[in-house]
Amino acid sequence: MANQKRPIPRTFRLVSPRSRALAALIGAALSLAGTEGARAQQVKGPVSGLPLPRYVSLKSDHVNLREGPSKDHATKWIYQRAGLPVEVTAEFDTWRRIRDSEGAEGWVFHSLLSGKRTALVAPWKKDAPPFPLRAEMDKNAKPIANLAPGVLVSIKICDGAWCRVKIDGYDGYMSQTELWGVYPGEKVE
């Protein structure tokens, strides 16, 4: 997972007063709303009308994460893994502020994001033993595969407690608490 993004050296650039004002306004809005509170209230994005926050995935193997919502802003990271789940926390024009599973935040162009739902298996437990992919929605059901922390899976459905996921020909169930890319209790159809 360490190879999914790489840092870009910081460069100096001129920042217009408009860009600084916009960044301050967006930062203040994010601080006031808070992503957990925003989700609980089902806040709608001002551009898309979709819920904020929400999970999406990266559409491309090359996605620049920028410091602000324009190509004039410096690139902080380059993601190199299509399908990686990210959380959209804000919108401005054609730009979306995202957060990845490691907590990195920045802005990406909206067309580089997909509504296809994916998840990472317990990326916060890097040294844990593999997690079972089960044949049924039951913690005692037979495991059909074991998935290491950080493995990327496609989400098919979630009922609020279990998600049906697919990976490399395997199709089974995992507890939502073991996935980053779906909210606790969220239903995905």
N, C-alpha and C. Protein backbone atom coordinates (compact mmCIF):
# COMPACT_ATOMS: atom_id res chain seq x y z
N MET A 1 0.82 -1.18 0.00
CA MET A 1 0.00 0.00 0.00
C MET A 1 0.87 1.25 0.00
N ALA A 2 2.10 1.15 0.42
CA ALA A 2 2.97 2.31 0.46
C ALA A 2 3.25 2.85 -0.94
N ASN A 3 3.13 2.02 -1.95
CA ASN A 3 3.40 2.46 -3.32
C ASN A 3 2.20 3.07 -4.01
N GLN A 4 1.10 3.25 -3.32
CA GLN A 4 -0.10 3.80 -3.94
C GLN A 4 0.00 5.28 -4.20
N LYS A 5 0.83 5.98 -3.47
CA LYS A 5 0.99 7.40 -3.68
C LYS A 5 2.43 7.76 -3.39
N ARG A 6 2.87 8.86 -3.96
CA ARG A 6 4.23 9.30 -3.67
C ARG A 6 4.22 10.80 -3.44
N PRO A 7 5.07 11.26 -2.51
CA PRO A 7 5.08 12.70 -2.21
C PRO A 7 5.73 13.48 -3.34
N ILE A 8 5.28 14.69 -3.51
CA ILE A 8 5.84 15.61 -4.48
C ILE A 8 6.59 16.68 -3.68
N PRO A 9 7.82 17.02 -4.09
CA PRO A 9 8.55 18.05 -3.35
C PRO A 9 7.76 19.36 -3.33
N ARG A 10 7.78 20.04 -2.22
CA ARG A 10 7.07 21.32 -2.09
C ARG A 10 7.75 22.35 -2.97
N THR A 11 6.96 23.08 -3.69
CA THR A 11 7.48 24.15 -4.53
C THR A 11 6.86 25.46 -4.08
N PHE A 12 7.55 26.55 -4.34
CA PHE A 12 7.02 27.86 -4.00
C PHE A 12 6.22 28.37 -5.18
N ARG A 13 5.12 29.04 -4.89
CA ARG A 13 4.27 29.58 -5.94
C ARG A 13 3.58 30.82 -5.40
N LEU A 14 3.14 31.65 -6.30
CA LEU A 14 2.37 32.82 -5.91
C LEU A 14 0.94 32.39 -5.65
N VAL A 15 0.38 32.86 -4.57
CA VAL A 15 -1.00 32.55 -4.24
C VAL A 15 -1.79 33.85 -4.29
N SER A 16 -2.84 33.84 -5.06
CA SER A 16 -3.65 35.05 -5.20
C SER A 16 -4.48 35.24 -3.94
N PRO A 17 -4.85 36.50 -3.65
CA PRO A 17 -5.73 36.75 -2.48
C PRO A 17 -7.04 35.99 -2.61
N ARG A 18 -7.55 35.83 -3.85
CA ARG A 18 -8.79 35.08 -4.06
C ARG A 18 -8.63 33.62 -3.63
N SER A 19 -7.49 33.00 -4.01
CA SER A 19 -7.24 31.60 -3.62
C SER A 19 -7.13 31.46 -2.12
N ARG A 20 -6.43 32.41 -1.47
CA ARG A 20 -6.31 32.35 0.00
C ARG A 20 -7.68 32.50 0.66
N ALA A 21 -8.49 33.42 0.15
CA ALA A 21 -9.83 33.63 0.72
C ALA A 21 -10.70 32.39 0.53
N LEU A 22 -10.62 31.78 -0.65
CA LEU A 22 -11.39 30.58 -0.92
C LEU A 22 -10.96 29.44 0.01
N ALA A 23 -9.65 29.26 0.15
CA ALA A 23 -9.15 28.20 1.02
C ALA A 23 -9.59 28.43 2.46
N ALA A 24 -9.55 29.67 2.92
CA ALA A 24 -9.98 30.00 4.28
C ALA A 24 -11.47 29.71 4.47
N LEU A 25 -12.28 30.08 3.47
CA LEU A 25 -13.71 29.85 3.54
C LEU A 25 -14.04 28.36 3.60
N ILE A 26 -13.38 27.59 2.74
CA ILE A 26 -13.62 26.14 2.72
C ILE A 26 -13.16 25.50 4.02
N GLY A 27 -11.98 25.91 4.51
CA GLY A 27 -11.48 25.37 5.77
C GLY A 27 -12.42 25.66 6.93
N ALA A 28 -12.95 26.89 6.97
CA ALA A 28 -13.89 27.26 8.03
C ALA A 28 -15.16 26.43 7.94
N ALA A 29 -15.67 26.22 6.74
CA ALA A 29 -16.89 25.42 6.55
C ALA A 29 -16.66 23.99 7.00
N LEU A 30 -15.50 23.43 6.66
CA LEU A 30 -15.20 22.05 7.08
C LEU A 30 -15.08 21.96 8.59
N SER A 31 -14.46 22.95 9.21
CA SER A 31 -14.30 22.94 10.67
C SER A 31 -15.65 23.03 11.36
N LEU A 32 -16.54 23.89 10.86
CA LEU A 32 -17.84 24.06 11.49
C LEU A 32 -18.71 22.83 11.32
N ALA A 33 -18.71 22.27 10.12
CA ALA A 33 -19.60 21.14 9.84
C ALA A 33 -19.08 19.86 10.47
N GLY A 34 -17.78 19.62 10.35
CA GLY A 34 -17.22 18.36 10.82
C GLY A 34 -17.79 17.22 10.00
N THR A 35 -16.97 16.31 9.53
CA THR A 35 -17.48 15.30 8.62
C THR A 35 -18.46 14.35 9.29
N GLU A 36 -18.27 14.00 10.54
CA GLU A 36 -19.21 13.10 11.21
C GLU A 36 -20.57 13.78 11.37
N GLY A 37 -20.55 15.04 11.82
CA GLY A 37 -21.80 15.77 11.99
C GLY A 37 -22.50 16.00 10.67
N ALA A 38 -21.72 16.28 9.62
CA ALA A 38 -22.30 16.51 8.30
C ALA A 38 -22.99 15.26 7.80
N ARG A 39 -22.37 14.10 8.00
CA ARG A 39 -22.97 12.86 7.53
C ARG A 39 -24.25 12.57 8.30
N ALA A 40 -24.23 12.79 9.61
CA ALA A 40 -25.41 12.51 10.42
C ALA A 40 -26.59 13.38 9.99
N GLN A 41 -26.32 14.60 9.54
CA GLN A 41 -27.38 15.49 9.12
C GLN A 41 -27.71 15.33 7.64
N GLN A 42 -27.02 14.43 6.93
CA GLN A 42 -27.23 14.22 5.50
C GLN A 42 -27.09 15.53 4.72
N VAL A 43 -26.00 16.21 4.93
CA VAL A 43 -25.70 17.43 4.19
C VAL A 43 -25.50 17.07 2.73
N LYS A 44 -26.05 17.88 1.85
CA LYS A 44 -25.90 17.66 0.42
C LYS A 44 -24.80 18.56 -0.12
N GLY A 45 -24.00 18.02 -1.04
CA GLY A 45 -22.96 18.81 -1.67
C GLY A 45 -23.57 19.95 -2.46
N PRO A 46 -22.98 21.15 -2.41
CA PRO A 46 -23.54 22.30 -3.10
C PRO A 46 -23.48 22.20 -4.62
N VAL A 47 -22.61 21.34 -5.14
CA VAL A 47 -22.46 21.21 -6.59
C VAL A 47 -23.20 19.98 -7.11
N SER A 48 -22.93 18.82 -6.50
CA SER A 48 -23.48 17.56 -7.00
C SER A 48 -24.86 17.24 -6.42
N GLY A 49 -25.17 17.76 -5.25
CA GLY A 49 -26.40 17.40 -4.57
C GLY A 49 -26.32 16.05 -3.89
N LEU A 50 -25.14 15.42 -3.92
CA LEU A 50 -24.93 14.12 -3.27
C LEU A 50 -24.52 14.33 -1.82
N PRO A 51 -24.72 13.31 -0.97
CA PRO A 51 -24.39 13.46 0.45
C PRO A 51 -22.91 13.77 0.69
N LEU A 52 -22.65 14.56 1.73
CA LEU A 52 -21.30 14.82 2.21
C LEU A 52 -21.25 14.45 3.66
N PRO A 53 -20.27 13.72 4.12
CA PRO A 53 -19.26 13.05 3.31
C PRO A 53 -19.83 11.80 2.65
N ARG A 54 -19.07 11.25 1.69
CA ARG A 54 -19.46 10.02 1.01
C ARG A 54 -18.20 9.34 0.49
N TYR A 55 -18.29 8.03 0.32
CA TYR A 55 -17.17 7.28 -0.24
C TYR A 55 -17.34 7.13 -1.74
N VAL A 56 -16.23 7.24 -2.45
CA VAL A 56 -16.13 6.99 -3.89
C VAL A 56 -14.82 6.26 -4.11
N SER A 57 -14.44 6.07 -5.36
CA SER A 57 -13.15 5.45 -5.65
C SER A 57 -12.44 6.23 -6.75
N LEU A 58 -11.13 6.02 -6.83
CA LEU A 58 -10.35 6.67 -7.87
C LEU A 58 -10.58 5.97 -9.20
N LYS A 59 -10.76 6.75 -10.26
CA LYS A 59 -11.07 6.20 -11.58
C LYS A 59 -9.82 5.84 -12.37
N SER A 60 -8.68 6.41 -12.00
CA SER A 60 -7.46 6.29 -12.80
C SER A 60 -6.28 5.81 -11.97
N ASP A 61 -5.25 5.33 -12.66
CA ASP A 61 -3.99 4.94 -12.01
C ASP A 61 -3.08 6.13 -11.77
N HIS A 62 -3.51 7.32 -12.16
CA HIS A 62 -2.70 8.53 -11.95
C HIS A 62 -3.64 9.66 -11.57
N VAL A 63 -3.71 9.96 -10.27
CA VAL A 63 -4.59 11.02 -9.77
C VAL A 63 -3.76 11.94 -8.89
N ASN A 64 -3.72 13.22 -9.27
CA ASN A 64 -3.01 14.23 -8.48
C ASN A 64 -3.88 14.72 -7.34
N LEU A 65 -3.34 14.70 -6.14
CA LEU A 65 -3.99 15.28 -4.97
C LEU A 65 -3.37 16.65 -4.78
N ARG A 66 -4.19 17.70 -4.91
CA ARG A 66 -3.68 19.07 -4.87
C ARG A 66 -4.00 19.77 -3.55
N GLU A 67 -3.22 20.81 -3.25
CA GLU A 67 -3.40 21.58 -2.02
C GLU A 67 -4.69 22.38 -2.02
N GLY A 68 -5.18 22.74 -3.20
CA GLY A 68 -6.39 23.54 -3.31
C GLY A 68 -7.18 23.16 -4.55
N PRO A 69 -8.37 23.73 -4.73
CA PRO A 69 -9.26 23.33 -5.82
C PRO A 69 -8.99 24.03 -7.16
N SER A 70 -7.78 23.83 -7.69
CA SER A 70 -7.47 24.28 -9.05
C SER A 70 -6.13 23.67 -9.46
N LYS A 71 -5.87 23.67 -10.76
CA LYS A 71 -4.60 23.15 -11.26
C LYS A 71 -3.44 24.09 -10.92
N ASP A 72 -3.75 25.30 -10.47
CA ASP A 72 -2.71 26.24 -10.05
C ASP A 72 -2.10 25.86 -8.70
N HIS A 73 -2.80 25.04 -7.93
CA HIS A 73 -2.30 24.61 -6.62
C HIS A 73 -1.30 23.47 -6.78
N ALA A 74 -0.34 23.43 -5.87
CA ALA A 74 0.71 22.41 -5.91
C ALA A 74 0.14 21.01 -5.69
N THR A 75 0.78 20.03 -6.29
CA THR A 75 0.42 18.62 -6.10
C THR A 75 1.09 18.10 -4.84
N LYS A 76 0.29 17.53 -3.92
CA LYS A 76 0.80 16.98 -2.67
C LYS A 76 1.18 15.50 -2.84
N TRP A 77 0.34 14.76 -3.55
CA TRP A 77 0.52 13.32 -3.75
C TRP A 77 0.10 12.96 -5.17
N ILE A 78 0.59 11.83 -5.63
CA ILE A 78 0.08 11.24 -6.86
C ILE A 78 -0.36 9.82 -6.50
N TYR A 79 -1.66 9.57 -6.61
CA TYR A 79 -2.17 8.22 -6.37
C TYR A 79 -1.92 7.38 -7.61
N GLN A 80 -1.52 6.15 -7.42
CA GLN A 80 -1.18 5.28 -8.53
C GLN A 80 -1.93 3.95 -8.47
N ARG A 81 -3.17 4.00 -8.02
CA ARG A 81 -3.96 2.77 -7.92
C ARG A 81 -5.43 3.07 -8.20
N ALA A 82 -5.88 2.72 -9.38
CA ALA A 82 -7.31 2.88 -9.72
C ALA A 82 -8.13 2.02 -8.78
N GLY A 83 -9.31 2.51 -8.41
CA GLY A 83 -10.20 1.75 -7.53
C GLY A 83 -10.00 2.03 -6.06
N LEU A 84 -8.96 2.76 -5.70
CA LEU A 84 -8.70 3.04 -4.29
C LEU A 84 -9.87 3.84 -3.70
N PRO A 85 -10.42 3.41 -2.55
CA PRO A 85 -11.53 4.17 -1.97
C PRO A 85 -11.02 5.46 -1.33
N VAL A 86 -11.79 6.52 -1.48
CA VAL A 86 -11.51 7.81 -0.83
C VAL A 86 -12.83 8.38 -0.34
N GLU A 87 -12.75 9.29 0.61
CA GLU A 87 -13.94 9.92 1.16
C GLU A 87 -14.02 11.36 0.68
N VAL A 88 -15.12 11.73 0.04
CA VAL A 88 -15.35 13.11 -0.39
C VAL A 88 -15.90 13.88 0.80
N THR A 89 -15.20 14.97 1.18
CA THR A 89 -15.61 15.74 2.35
C THR A 89 -16.11 17.15 2.00
N ALA A 90 -15.83 17.62 0.77
CA ALA A 90 -16.29 18.95 0.36
C ALA A 90 -16.29 19.03 -1.16
N GLU A 91 -17.01 20.03 -1.68
CA GLU A 91 -17.08 20.26 -3.13
C GLU A 91 -16.88 21.74 -3.40
N PHE A 92 -16.22 22.03 -4.51
CA PHE A 92 -16.12 23.39 -5.00
C PHE A 92 -16.02 23.32 -6.52
N ASP A 93 -17.02 23.82 -7.22
CA ASP A 93 -17.03 23.83 -8.68
C ASP A 93 -16.79 22.39 -9.18
N THR A 94 -15.74 22.17 -9.94
CA THR A 94 -15.46 20.84 -10.50
C THR A 94 -14.43 20.07 -9.66
N TRP A 95 -14.21 20.51 -8.44
CA TRP A 95 -13.20 19.90 -7.57
C TRP A 95 -13.86 19.27 -6.34
N ARG A 96 -13.24 18.18 -5.86
CA ARG A 96 -13.73 17.51 -4.66
C ARG A 96 -12.58 17.38 -3.66
N ARG A 97 -12.86 17.73 -2.41
CA ARG A 97 -11.87 17.53 -1.34
C ARG A 97 -12.04 16.09 -0.87
N ILE A 98 -10.93 15.36 -0.82
CA ILE A 98 -10.99 13.95 -0.43
C ILE A 98 -10.04 13.67 0.73
N ARG A 99 -10.30 12.53 1.38
CA ARG A 99 -9.44 12.00 2.43
C ARG A 99 -9.21 10.52 2.12
N ASP A 100 -7.97 10.07 2.24
CA ASP A 100 -7.69 8.65 2.01
C ASP A 100 -7.64 7.88 3.33
N SER A 101 -7.40 6.59 3.25
CA SER A 101 -7.43 5.74 4.45
C SER A 101 -6.31 6.06 5.43
N GLU A 102 -5.28 6.76 4.97
CA GLU A 102 -4.17 7.13 5.85
C GLU A 102 -4.34 8.55 6.41
N GLY A 103 -5.42 9.22 6.03
CA GLY A 103 -5.70 10.54 6.55
C GLY A 103 -5.21 11.70 5.69
N ALA A 104 -4.54 11.42 4.57
CA ALA A 104 -4.09 12.49 3.68
C ALA A 104 -5.31 13.15 3.05
N GLU A 105 -5.29 14.49 2.99
CA GLU A 105 -6.42 15.24 2.45
C GLU A 105 -5.94 16.21 1.39
N GLY A 106 -6.80 16.46 0.43
CA GLY A 106 -6.51 17.43 -0.62
C GLY A 106 -7.63 17.42 -1.64
N TRP A 107 -7.37 18.07 -2.77
CA TRP A 107 -8.39 18.28 -3.80
C TRP A 107 -8.05 17.52 -5.07
N VAL A 108 -9.09 16.92 -5.69
CA VAL A 108 -8.93 16.23 -6.98
C VAL A 108 -10.04 16.70 -7.92
N PHE A 109 -9.75 16.62 -9.21
CA PHE A 109 -10.73 16.98 -10.22
C PHE A 109 -11.84 15.92 -10.22
N HIS A 110 -13.09 16.35 -10.28
CA HIS A 110 -14.24 15.44 -10.10
C HIS A 110 -14.26 14.28 -11.09
N SER A 111 -13.80 14.48 -12.32
CA SER A 111 -13.89 13.41 -13.32
C SER A 111 -12.89 12.28 -13.06
N LEU A 112 -12.00 12.43 -12.07
CA LEU A 112 -11.06 11.38 -11.71
C LEU A 112 -11.62 10.47 -10.61
N LEU A 113 -12.88 10.73 -10.23
CA LEU A 113 -13.54 9.94 -9.19
C LEU A 113 -14.69 9.15 -9.78
N SER A 114 -14.94 7.98 -9.21
CA SER A 114 -16.01 7.10 -9.67
C SER A 114 -16.96 6.80 -8.52
N GLY A 115 -18.22 6.61 -8.84
CA GLY A 115 -19.21 6.22 -7.83
C GLY A 115 -19.11 4.74 -7.48
N LYS A 116 -18.26 3.99 -8.18
CA LYS A 116 -18.09 2.56 -7.89
C LYS A 116 -17.53 2.41 -6.48
N ARG A 117 -18.18 1.58 -5.67
CA ARG A 117 -17.78 1.42 -4.28
C ARG A 117 -16.76 0.31 -4.13
N THR A 118 -15.68 0.65 -3.46
CA THR A 118 -14.63 -0.29 -3.13
C THR A 118 -14.28 -0.09 -1.66
N ALA A 119 -13.46 -0.97 -1.13
CA ALA A 119 -13.03 -0.83 0.27
C ALA A 119 -11.67 -1.47 0.44
N LEU A 120 -10.98 -1.04 1.48
CA LEU A 120 -9.73 -1.67 1.89
C LEU A 120 -10.02 -2.49 3.13
N VAL A 121 -9.45 -3.68 3.19
CA VAL A 121 -9.62 -4.54 4.36
C VAL A 121 -8.74 -3.99 5.49
N ALA A 122 -9.37 -3.55 6.56
CA ALA A 122 -8.73 -3.09 7.81
C ALA A 122 -7.34 -2.50 7.62
N PRO A 123 -7.21 -1.39 6.87
CA PRO A 123 -5.87 -0.83 6.66
C PRO A 123 -5.22 -0.30 7.95
N TRP A 124 -6.01 -0.08 8.99
CA TRP A 124 -5.49 0.39 10.27
C TRP A 124 -4.84 -0.73 11.08
N LYS A 125 -4.95 -1.98 10.60
CA LYS A 125 -4.36 -3.13 11.30
C LYS A 125 -3.32 -3.79 10.41
N LYS A 126 -2.29 -3.04 10.02
CA LYS A 126 -1.29 -3.50 9.05
C LYS A 126 -0.62 -4.83 9.43
N ASP A 127 -0.40 -5.08 10.71
CA ASP A 127 0.30 -6.29 11.13
C ASP A 127 -0.63 -7.39 11.64
N ALA A 128 -1.91 -7.23 11.45
CA ALA A 128 -2.88 -8.23 11.93
C ALA A 128 -2.87 -9.45 11.01
N PRO A 129 -3.32 -10.59 11.53
CA PRO A 129 -3.45 -11.76 10.66
C PRO A 129 -4.56 -11.51 9.64
N PRO A 130 -4.61 -12.30 8.57
CA PRO A 130 -5.63 -12.11 7.53
C PRO A 130 -7.06 -12.20 8.09
N PHE A 131 -7.96 -11.51 7.40
CA PHE A 131 -9.37 -11.49 7.77
C PHE A 131 -10.14 -12.45 6.88
N PRO A 132 -11.07 -13.22 7.45
CA PRO A 132 -11.80 -14.20 6.63
C PRO A 132 -12.86 -13.57 5.73
N LEU A 133 -12.90 -14.02 4.50
CA LEU A 133 -14.00 -13.73 3.58
C LEU A 133 -14.91 -14.93 3.71
N ARG A 134 -16.14 -14.71 4.16
CA ARG A 134 -17.02 -15.82 4.52
C ARG A 134 -18.05 -16.13 3.44
N ALA A 135 -18.51 -17.38 3.43
CA ALA A 135 -19.49 -17.84 2.45
C ALA A 135 -20.88 -17.26 2.73
N GLU A 136 -21.15 -16.94 3.98
CA GLU A 136 -22.46 -16.40 4.38
C GLU A 136 -22.27 -15.25 5.37
N MET A 137 -23.36 -14.50 5.60
CA MET A 137 -23.33 -13.38 6.55
C MET A 137 -23.45 -13.90 7.98
N ASP A 138 -22.41 -14.54 8.45
CA ASP A 138 -22.41 -15.11 9.79
C ASP A 138 -20.95 -15.25 10.22
N LYS A 139 -20.64 -14.75 11.43
CA LYS A 139 -19.24 -14.81 11.88
C LYS A 139 -18.73 -16.25 12.05
N ASN A 140 -19.64 -17.20 12.08
CA ASN A 140 -19.24 -18.61 12.19
C ASN A 140 -19.28 -19.34 10.85
N ALA A 141 -19.63 -18.63 9.78
CA ALA A 141 -19.69 -19.26 8.45
C ALA A 141 -18.29 -19.63 7.97
N LYS A 142 -18.27 -20.59 7.10
CA LYS A 142 -17.01 -21.10 6.56
C LYS A 142 -16.26 -20.00 5.78
N PRO A 143 -14.97 -19.81 6.09
CA PRO A 143 -14.17 -18.87 5.29
C PRO A 143 -13.88 -19.46 3.91
N ILE A 144 -14.01 -18.64 2.87
CA ILE A 144 -13.68 -19.11 1.52
C ILE A 144 -12.33 -18.54 1.07
N ALA A 145 -11.84 -17.52 1.80
CA ALA A 145 -10.52 -16.94 1.53
C ALA A 145 -10.12 -16.12 2.74
N ASN A 146 -8.84 -15.85 2.85
CA ASN A 146 -8.34 -14.97 3.90
C ASN A 146 -7.68 -13.77 3.24
N LEU A 147 -8.07 -12.58 3.67
CA LEU A 147 -7.60 -11.35 3.04
C LEU A 147 -6.72 -10.56 4.00
N ALA A 148 -5.53 -10.23 3.54
CA ALA A 148 -4.59 -9.47 4.35
C ALA A 148 -5.06 -8.02 4.52
N PRO A 149 -4.67 -7.37 5.61
CA PRO A 149 -5.00 -5.95 5.77
C PRO A 149 -4.48 -5.14 4.57
N GLY A 150 -5.31 -4.20 4.12
CA GLY A 150 -4.93 -3.35 3.00
C GLY A 150 -5.34 -3.86 1.64
N VAL A 151 -5.89 -5.07 1.56
CA VAL A 151 -6.33 -5.62 0.28
C VAL A 151 -7.55 -4.84 -0.21
N LEU A 152 -7.58 -4.56 -1.51
CA LEU A 152 -8.67 -3.82 -2.13
C LEU A 152 -9.76 -4.78 -2.61
N VAL A 153 -11.01 -4.52 -2.21
CA VAL A 153 -12.14 -5.34 -2.63
C VAL A 153 -13.21 -4.45 -3.26
N SER A 154 -14.02 -5.04 -4.14
CA SER A 154 -15.18 -4.34 -4.71
C SER A 154 -16.39 -4.64 -3.85
N ILE A 155 -17.14 -3.61 -3.52
CA ILE A 155 -18.35 -3.78 -2.71
C ILE A 155 -19.53 -3.99 -3.64
N LYS A 156 -20.30 -5.05 -3.39
CA LYS A 156 -21.53 -5.31 -4.15
C LYS A 156 -22.74 -4.78 -3.42
N ILE A 157 -22.93 -5.19 -2.17
CA ILE A 157 -24.03 -4.70 -1.33
C ILE A 157 -23.57 -4.70 0.13
N CYS A 158 -24.22 -3.88 0.93
CA CYS A 158 -24.02 -3.88 2.38
C CYS A 158 -25.38 -3.73 3.03
N ASP A 159 -25.60 -4.46 4.11
CA ASP A 159 -26.91 -4.38 4.79
C ASP A 159 -26.85 -3.59 6.09
N GLY A 160 -25.71 -3.00 6.38
CA GLY A 160 -25.55 -2.24 7.62
C GLY A 160 -24.65 -2.96 8.61
N ALA A 161 -24.48 -4.26 8.44
CA ALA A 161 -23.60 -5.04 9.31
C ALA A 161 -22.59 -5.86 8.49
N TRP A 162 -23.04 -6.37 7.35
CA TRP A 162 -22.20 -7.20 6.48
C TRP A 162 -22.18 -6.62 5.07
N CYS A 163 -21.05 -6.83 4.40
CA CYS A 163 -20.93 -6.43 3.00
C CYS A 163 -20.58 -7.64 2.16
N ARG A 164 -21.24 -7.75 1.00
CA ARG A 164 -20.86 -8.75 0.01
C ARG A 164 -19.79 -8.11 -0.85
N VAL A 165 -18.62 -8.73 -0.92
CA VAL A 165 -17.50 -8.18 -1.66
C VAL A 165 -16.96 -9.20 -2.65
N LYS A 166 -16.25 -8.68 -3.66
CA LYS A 166 -15.61 -9.54 -4.66
C LYS A 166 -14.15 -9.17 -4.78
N ILE A 167 -13.33 -10.20 -4.99
CA ILE A 167 -11.92 -10.01 -5.25
C ILE A 167 -11.39 -11.24 -5.99
N ASP A 168 -10.79 -11.03 -7.13
CA ASP A 168 -10.13 -12.09 -7.90
C ASP A 168 -10.93 -13.39 -7.99
N GLY A 169 -12.18 -13.32 -8.36
CA GLY A 169 -13.00 -14.52 -8.52
C GLY A 169 -13.65 -15.00 -7.24
N TYR A 170 -13.29 -14.46 -6.11
CA TYR A 170 -13.93 -14.82 -4.84
C TYR A 170 -15.08 -13.85 -4.58
N ASP A 171 -16.18 -14.39 -4.11
CA ASP A 171 -17.37 -13.61 -3.83
C ASP A 171 -17.87 -14.07 -2.46
N GLY A 172 -17.83 -13.16 -1.47
CA GLY A 172 -18.23 -13.56 -0.13
C GLY A 172 -18.58 -12.36 0.72
N TYR A 173 -18.62 -12.58 2.03
CA TYR A 173 -19.10 -11.58 2.97
C TYR A 173 -18.04 -11.24 4.01
N MET A 174 -18.01 -9.94 4.35
CA MET A 174 -17.13 -9.45 5.41
C MET A 174 -17.94 -8.51 6.30
N SER A 175 -17.57 -8.46 7.56
CA SER A 175 -18.20 -7.52 8.49
C SER A 175 -17.82 -6.10 8.06
N GLN A 176 -18.78 -5.17 8.09
CA GLN A 176 -18.51 -3.79 7.72
C GLN A 176 -17.45 -3.16 8.62
N THR A 177 -17.33 -3.64 9.84
CA THR A 177 -16.34 -3.08 10.77
C THR A 177 -14.92 -3.40 10.34
N GLU A 178 -14.73 -4.32 9.40
CA GLU A 178 -13.40 -4.69 8.91
C GLU A 178 -13.04 -3.98 7.61
N LEU A 179 -13.88 -3.03 7.16
CA LEU A 179 -13.67 -2.39 5.86
C LEU A 179 -13.56 -0.88 5.99
N TRP A 180 -12.61 -0.29 5.24
CA TRP A 180 -12.53 1.17 5.11
C TRP A 180 -13.01 1.51 3.71
N GLY A 181 -14.14 2.18 3.63
CA GLY A 181 -14.76 2.51 2.35
C GLY A 181 -16.27 2.41 2.46
N VAL A 182 -16.75 2.07 3.64
CA VAL A 182 -18.18 2.02 3.92
C VAL A 182 -18.36 2.45 5.37
N TYR A 183 -19.39 3.24 5.63
CA TYR A 183 -19.63 3.74 6.99
C TYR A 183 -20.29 2.66 7.84
N PRO A 184 -20.05 2.69 9.17
CA PRO A 184 -20.74 1.76 10.06
C PRO A 184 -22.25 1.93 9.92
N GLY A 185 -22.96 0.86 9.72
CA GLY A 185 -24.41 0.90 9.59
C GLY A 185 -24.92 1.35 8.22
N GLU A 186 -24.03 1.73 7.31
CA GLU A 186 -24.47 2.19 5.98
C GLU A 186 -24.99 1.03 5.14
N LYS A 187 -26.04 1.28 4.40
CA LYS A 187 -26.58 0.29 3.46
C LYS A 187 -26.18 0.70 2.04
N VAL A 188 -25.62 -0.25 1.31
CA VAL A 188 -25.19 -0.03 -0.07
C VAL A 188 -25.93 -1.01 -0.95
N GLU A 189 -26.56 -0.50 -1.99
CA GLU A 189 -27.30 -1.39 -2.91
C GLU A 189 -26.69 -1.38 -4.27
